Amino acid sequence: MRTGTVYTETVIHLAAEAFAKDVPFQTAIVTLDGGGRLTGRIVGERVAINDRVAEVDERDGVVFFRKS
């Protein structure tokens, strides 16, 4: 699984109908250790800029990260 550092993050309070049941939820842009950046959802404890995260799941093309 991929690991990286949080580049930026935000909490979504109002989402499209497909994701409305999930609000509020946190998303982050993660700078991957192997290079590049990836946008994903955060599960578990909220993260802040420069926190380390690890990929824990991918569903329907959405990557999920957890603070590591």
N, C-alpha and C. Protein backbone atom coordinates (compact mmCIF):
# COMPACT_ATOMS: atom_id res chain seq x y z
N MET A 1 0.83 -1.18 0.00
CA MET A 1 0.00 0.00 0.00
C MET A 1 0.88 1.25 0.00
N ARG A 2 0.32 2.32 -0.52
CA ARG A 2 1.07 3.58 -0.64
C ARG A 2 1.09 4.36 0.67
N THR A 3 2.17 5.09 0.87
CA THR A 3 2.32 5.95 2.04
C THR A 3 2.75 7.33 1.57
N GLY A 4 2.55 8.32 2.43
CA GLY A 4 2.95 9.67 2.07
C GLY A 4 2.70 10.66 3.18
N THR A 5 2.76 11.94 2.81
CA THR A 5 2.61 13.05 3.73
C THR A 5 1.47 13.95 3.26
N VAL A 6 0.65 14.40 4.19
CA VAL A 6 -0.48 15.26 3.84
C VAL A 6 0.05 16.61 3.35
N TYR A 7 -0.31 16.97 2.13
CA TYR A 7 0.06 18.26 1.54
C TYR A 7 -0.95 19.33 1.94
N THR A 8 -2.25 18.97 1.88
CA THR A 8 -3.32 19.85 2.31
C THR A 8 -4.55 19.01 2.62
N GLU A 9 -5.48 19.56 3.39
CA GLU A 9 -6.66 18.79 3.78
C GLU A 9 -7.85 19.71 3.96
N THR A 10 -9.04 19.14 3.93
CA THR A 10 -10.27 19.88 4.19
C THR A 10 -11.34 18.92 4.69
N VAL A 11 -12.31 19.46 5.38
CA VAL A 11 -13.45 18.67 5.85
C VAL A 11 -14.66 19.09 5.02
N ILE A 12 -15.33 18.11 4.43
CA ILE A 12 -16.51 18.34 3.60
C ILE A 12 -17.76 18.25 4.49
N HIS A 13 -18.55 19.32 4.49
CA HIS A 13 -19.78 19.35 5.29
C HIS A 13 -21.04 19.26 4.43
N LEU A 14 -20.90 19.57 3.13
CA LEU A 14 -22.02 19.53 2.20
C LEU A 14 -21.51 18.89 0.93
N ALA A 15 -22.09 17.74 0.57
CA ALA A 15 -21.58 16.96 -0.56
C ALA A 15 -22.69 16.65 -1.55
N ALA A 16 -22.27 16.20 -2.71
CA ALA A 16 -23.21 15.75 -3.72
C ALA A 16 -24.06 14.61 -3.15
N GLU A 17 -25.21 14.39 -3.74
CA GLU A 17 -26.17 13.41 -3.23
C GLU A 17 -25.54 12.03 -3.01
N ALA A 18 -24.66 11.63 -3.89
CA ALA A 18 -24.03 10.31 -3.79
C ALA A 18 -23.20 10.15 -2.51
N PHE A 19 -22.74 11.28 -1.95
CA PHE A 19 -21.88 11.24 -0.76
C PHE A 19 -22.52 11.89 0.46
N ALA A 20 -23.76 12.35 0.33
CA ALA A 20 -24.42 13.09 1.40
C ALA A 20 -24.51 12.31 2.71
N LYS A 21 -24.65 11.00 2.63
CA LYS A 21 -24.77 10.18 3.84
C LYS A 21 -23.45 10.11 4.62
N ASP A 22 -22.34 10.49 3.97
CA ASP A 22 -21.01 10.40 4.60
C ASP A 22 -20.57 11.66 5.33
N VAL A 23 -21.25 12.79 5.12
CA VAL A 23 -20.78 14.05 5.70
C VAL A 23 -20.93 14.07 7.21
N PRO A 24 -20.05 14.74 7.94
CA PRO A 24 -18.84 15.35 7.42
C PRO A 24 -17.74 14.30 7.22
N PHE A 25 -16.90 14.53 6.21
CA PHE A 25 -15.75 13.65 5.99
C PHE A 25 -14.56 14.48 5.55
N GLN A 26 -13.38 13.95 5.79
CA GLN A 26 -12.15 14.67 5.48
C GLN A 26 -11.53 14.11 4.21
N THR A 27 -11.03 15.02 3.38
CA THR A 27 -10.25 14.63 2.21
C THR A 27 -8.88 15.28 2.32
N ALA A 28 -7.91 14.72 1.62
CA ALA A 28 -6.57 15.28 1.66
C ALA A 28 -5.87 15.03 0.33
N ILE A 29 -4.96 15.93 0.00
CA ILE A 29 -4.02 15.68 -1.09
C ILE A 29 -2.76 15.18 -0.41
N VAL A 30 -2.31 14.01 -0.84
CA VAL A 30 -1.16 13.35 -0.21
C VAL A 30 0.00 13.33 -1.19
N THR A 31 1.16 13.80 -0.72
CA THR A 31 2.38 13.68 -1.49
C THR A 31 2.93 12.28 -1.22
N LEU A 32 2.92 11.45 -2.25
CA LEU A 32 3.32 10.05 -2.10
C LEU A 32 4.82 9.90 -1.97
N ASP A 33 5.25 8.93 -1.16
CA ASP A 33 6.68 8.67 -0.98
C ASP A 33 7.35 8.29 -2.30
N GLY A 34 6.62 7.64 -3.18
CA GLY A 34 7.17 7.22 -4.47
C GLY A 34 7.11 8.30 -5.53
N GLY A 35 6.60 9.48 -5.18
CA GLY A 35 6.48 10.58 -6.13
C GLY A 35 5.04 10.81 -6.53
N GLY A 36 4.73 12.04 -6.83
CA GLY A 36 3.39 12.41 -7.25
C GLY A 36 2.49 12.73 -6.07
N ARG A 37 1.29 13.18 -6.42
CA ARG A 37 0.29 13.49 -5.40
C ARG A 37 -1.01 12.80 -5.75
N LEU A 38 -1.79 12.49 -4.72
CA LEU A 38 -3.04 11.76 -4.89
C LEU A 38 -4.06 12.33 -3.91
N THR A 39 -5.28 12.56 -4.39
CA THR A 39 -6.37 13.00 -3.52
C THR A 39 -7.11 11.79 -3.00
N GLY A 40 -7.39 11.77 -1.72
CA GLY A 40 -8.10 10.64 -1.12
C GLY A 40 -8.90 11.06 0.10
N ARG A 41 -9.68 10.13 0.57
CA ARG A 41 -10.47 10.34 1.79
C ARG A 41 -9.68 9.85 3.00
N ILE A 42 -9.94 10.48 4.14
CA ILE A 42 -9.29 10.10 5.39
C ILE A 42 -10.29 9.34 6.24
N VAL A 43 -9.86 8.23 6.80
CA VAL A 43 -10.69 7.46 7.73
C VAL A 43 -10.01 7.49 9.09
N GLY A 44 -10.82 7.38 10.14
CA GLY A 44 -10.28 7.40 11.49
C GLY A 44 -9.95 8.80 11.93
N GLU A 45 -8.87 8.93 12.68
CA GLU A 45 -8.45 10.21 13.25
C GLU A 45 -8.19 11.24 12.15
N ARG A 46 -8.62 12.47 12.38
CA ARG A 46 -8.37 13.53 11.41
C ARG A 46 -6.88 13.81 11.30
N VAL A 47 -6.48 14.27 10.12
CA VAL A 47 -5.07 14.55 9.85
C VAL A 47 -4.88 16.05 9.68
N ALA A 48 -3.62 16.46 9.76
CA ALA A 48 -3.22 17.84 9.54
C ALA A 48 -2.10 17.85 8.50
N ILE A 49 -1.80 19.04 7.98
CA ILE A 49 -0.71 19.17 7.02
C ILE A 49 0.58 18.63 7.64
N ASN A 50 1.32 17.88 6.85
CA ASN A 50 2.60 17.24 7.20
C ASN A 50 2.45 15.94 8.00
N ASP A 51 1.23 15.52 8.33
CA ASP A 51 1.04 14.21 8.98
C ASP A 51 1.37 13.10 7.99
N ARG A 52 1.85 12.00 8.51
CA ARG A 52 2.12 10.80 7.71
C ARG A 52 0.84 9.98 7.62
N VAL A 53 0.56 9.44 6.42
CA VAL A 53 -0.61 8.61 6.20
C VAL A 53 -0.23 7.38 5.40
N ALA A 54 -1.09 6.36 5.49
CA ALA A 54 -0.92 5.13 4.72
C ALA A 54 -2.25 4.76 4.09
N GLU A 55 -2.20 4.26 2.88
CA GLU A 55 -3.40 3.80 2.19
C GLU A 55 -3.95 2.56 2.89
N VAL A 56 -5.26 2.54 3.11
CA VAL A 56 -5.87 1.39 3.78
C VAL A 56 -6.93 0.71 2.92
N ASP A 57 -7.40 1.38 1.87
CA ASP A 57 -8.47 0.80 1.06
C ASP A 57 -8.61 1.60 -0.23
N GLU A 58 -9.25 0.99 -1.21
CA GLU A 58 -9.65 1.67 -2.43
C GLU A 58 -10.99 1.11 -2.84
N ARG A 59 -12.00 1.98 -2.95
CA ARG A 59 -13.34 1.56 -3.33
C ARG A 59 -13.87 2.47 -4.43
N ASP A 60 -14.32 1.85 -5.51
CA ASP A 60 -14.89 2.60 -6.62
C ASP A 60 -13.97 3.72 -7.10
N GLY A 61 -12.67 3.45 -7.11
CA GLY A 61 -11.71 4.42 -7.57
C GLY A 61 -11.31 5.49 -6.56
N VAL A 62 -11.86 5.40 -5.34
CA VAL A 62 -11.54 6.37 -4.28
C VAL A 62 -10.54 5.72 -3.33
N VAL A 63 -9.42 6.38 -3.11
CA VAL A 63 -8.38 5.88 -2.20
C VAL A 63 -8.68 6.40 -0.79
N PHE A 64 -8.52 5.53 0.20
CA PHE A 64 -8.73 5.88 1.61
C PHE A 64 -7.41 5.77 2.34
N PHE A 65 -7.08 6.82 3.10
CA PHE A 65 -5.86 6.87 3.89
C PHE A 65 -6.21 6.94 5.38
N ARG A 66 -5.27 6.48 6.20
CA ARG A 66 -5.38 6.58 7.65
C ARG A 66 -4.07 7.15 8.18
N LYS A 67 -4.18 7.96 9.24
CA LYS A 67 -2.99 8.52 9.88
C LYS A 67 -2.10 7.39 10.36
N SER A 68 -0.80 7.53 10.10
CA SER A 68 0.13 6.46 10.54
C SER A 68 1.14 6.97 11.54
